Amino acid sequence: MKYVSMVDYDDGSSLEEKVNQWILENEETLLEIIDIEYTQHGNIYLAIITYEERV
């Protein structure tokens, strides 16, 4: 399993778009996306993608 995290500030409105863009850019190397977790700490928005990579 591997992880990638992404951060957005202020209102977090572009975070989901960043996640979707990363998935599209890495589509060929992804075997499975296990989880996408979104959290907020004040005005910091975090997305953690858990995935398995093709070997």
C-alpha atoms as a PDB file:
ATOM      1  CA  MET A   1       0.000   0.000   0.000  1.00  0.00           C
ATOM      2  CA  LYS A   2       1.117   3.513  -0.749  1.00  0.00           C
ATOM      3  CA  TYR A   3      -0.087   6.929   0.303  1.00  0.00           C
ATOM      4  CA  VAL A   4      -0.111  10.385  -1.197  1.00  0.00           C
ATOM      5  CA  SER A   5      -1.321  13.523   0.540  1.00  0.00           C
ATOM      6  CA  MET A   6      -2.420  16.875  -0.817  1.00  0.00           C
ATOM      7  CA  VAL A   7      -2.998  20.166   0.951  1.00  0.00           C
ATOM      8  CA  ASP A   8      -5.187  23.163   0.197  1.00  0.00           C
ATOM      9  CA  TYR A   9      -5.650  26.375   2.158  1.00  0.00           C
ATOM     10  CA  ASP A  10      -8.356  28.993   2.705  1.00  0.00           C
ATOM     11  CA  ASP A  11     -11.665  27.340   1.721  1.00  0.00           C
ATOM     12  CA  GLY A  12     -10.346  24.012   0.346  1.00  0.00           C
ATOM     13  CA  SER A  13     -12.465  24.345  -2.763  1.00  0.00           C
ATOM     14  CA  SER A  14      -9.829  23.053  -5.174  1.00  0.00           C
ATOM     15  CA  LEU A  15      -8.755  20.006  -3.145  1.00  0.00           C
ATOM     16  CA  GLU A  16     -11.174  17.543  -4.730  1.00  0.00           C
ATOM     17  CA  GLU A  17     -10.131  18.788  -8.164  1.00  0.00           C
ATOM     18  CA  LYS A  18      -6.450  18.215  -7.242  1.00  0.00           C
ATOM     19  CA  VAL A  19      -7.273  14.666  -6.108  1.00  0.00           C
ATOM     20  CA  ASN A  20      -9.165  13.892  -9.317  1.00  0.00           C
ATOM     21  CA  GLN A  21      -6.336  15.328 -11.424  1.00  0.00           C
ATOM     22  CA  TRP A  22      -3.748  13.198  -9.612  1.00  0.00           C
ATOM     23  CA  ILE A  23      -5.867  10.075 -10.184  1.00  0.00           C
ATOM     24  CA  LEU A  24      -6.166  10.835 -13.902  1.00  0.00           C
ATOM     25  CA  GLU A  25      -2.438  11.512 -14.243  1.00  0.00           C
ATOM     26  CA  ASN A  26      -1.527   8.253 -12.466  1.00  0.00           C
ATOM     27  CA  GLU A  27      -4.304   6.066 -13.840  1.00  0.00           C
ATOM     28  CA  GLU A  28      -1.931   3.686 -15.637  1.00  0.00           C
ATOM     29  CA  THR A  29       0.099   2.918 -12.504  1.00  0.00           C
ATOM     30  CA  LEU A  30      -2.848   2.536 -10.118  1.00  0.00           C
ATOM     31  CA  LEU A  31      -4.084  -0.961  -9.385  1.00  0.00           C
ATOM     32  CA  GLU A  32      -6.714   0.123  -6.855  1.00  0.00           C
ATOM     33  CA  ILE A  33      -7.669   3.186  -4.833  1.00  0.00           C
ATOM     34  CA  ILE A  34      -8.417   1.873  -1.377  1.00  0.00           C
ATOM     35  CA  ASP A  35      -9.490   5.083   0.369  1.00  0.00           C
ATOM     36  CA  ILE A  36      -9.577   8.863   0.042  1.00  0.00           C
ATOM     37  CA  GLU A  37      -9.778  10.631   3.382  1.00  0.00           C
ATOM     38  CA  TYR A  38     -10.490  14.359   3.669  1.00  0.00           C
ATOM     39  CA  THR A  39      -9.766  16.263   6.885  1.00  0.00           C
ATOM     40  CA  GLN A  40      -9.808  19.893   7.937  1.00  0.00           C
ATOM     41  CA  HIS A  41      -7.665  21.636  10.553  1.00  0.00           C
ATOM     42  CA  GLY A  42      -8.649  25.291  10.746  1.00  0.00           C
ATOM     43  CA  ASN A  43      -8.131  26.683   7.251  1.00  0.00           C
ATOM     44  CA  ILE A  44      -5.893  23.777   6.152  1.00  0.00           C
ATOM     45  CA  TYR A  45      -7.583  21.038   4.133  1.00  0.00           C
ATOM     46  CA  LEU A  46      -5.874  17.680   3.676  1.00  0.00           C
ATOM     47  CA  ALA A  47      -6.611  14.714   1.421  1.00  0.00           C
ATOM     48  CA  ILE A  48      -4.867  11.371   1.902  1.00  0.00           C
ATOM     49  CA  ILE A  49      -5.169   8.822  -0.885  1.00  0.00           C
ATOM     50  CA  THR A  50      -4.441   5.197  -0.012  1.00  0.00           C
ATOM     51  CA  TYR A  51      -3.764   3.080  -3.072  1.00  0.00           C
ATOM     52  CA  GLU A  52      -2.062   0.021  -4.483  1.00  0.00           C
ATOM     53  CA  GLU A  53       0.298   0.367  -7.392  1.00  0.00           C
ATOM     54  CA  ARG A  54       0.673  -1.990 -10.332  1.00  0.00           C
ATOM     55  CA  VAL A  55       3.887  -3.957 -10.298  1.00  0.00           C
END
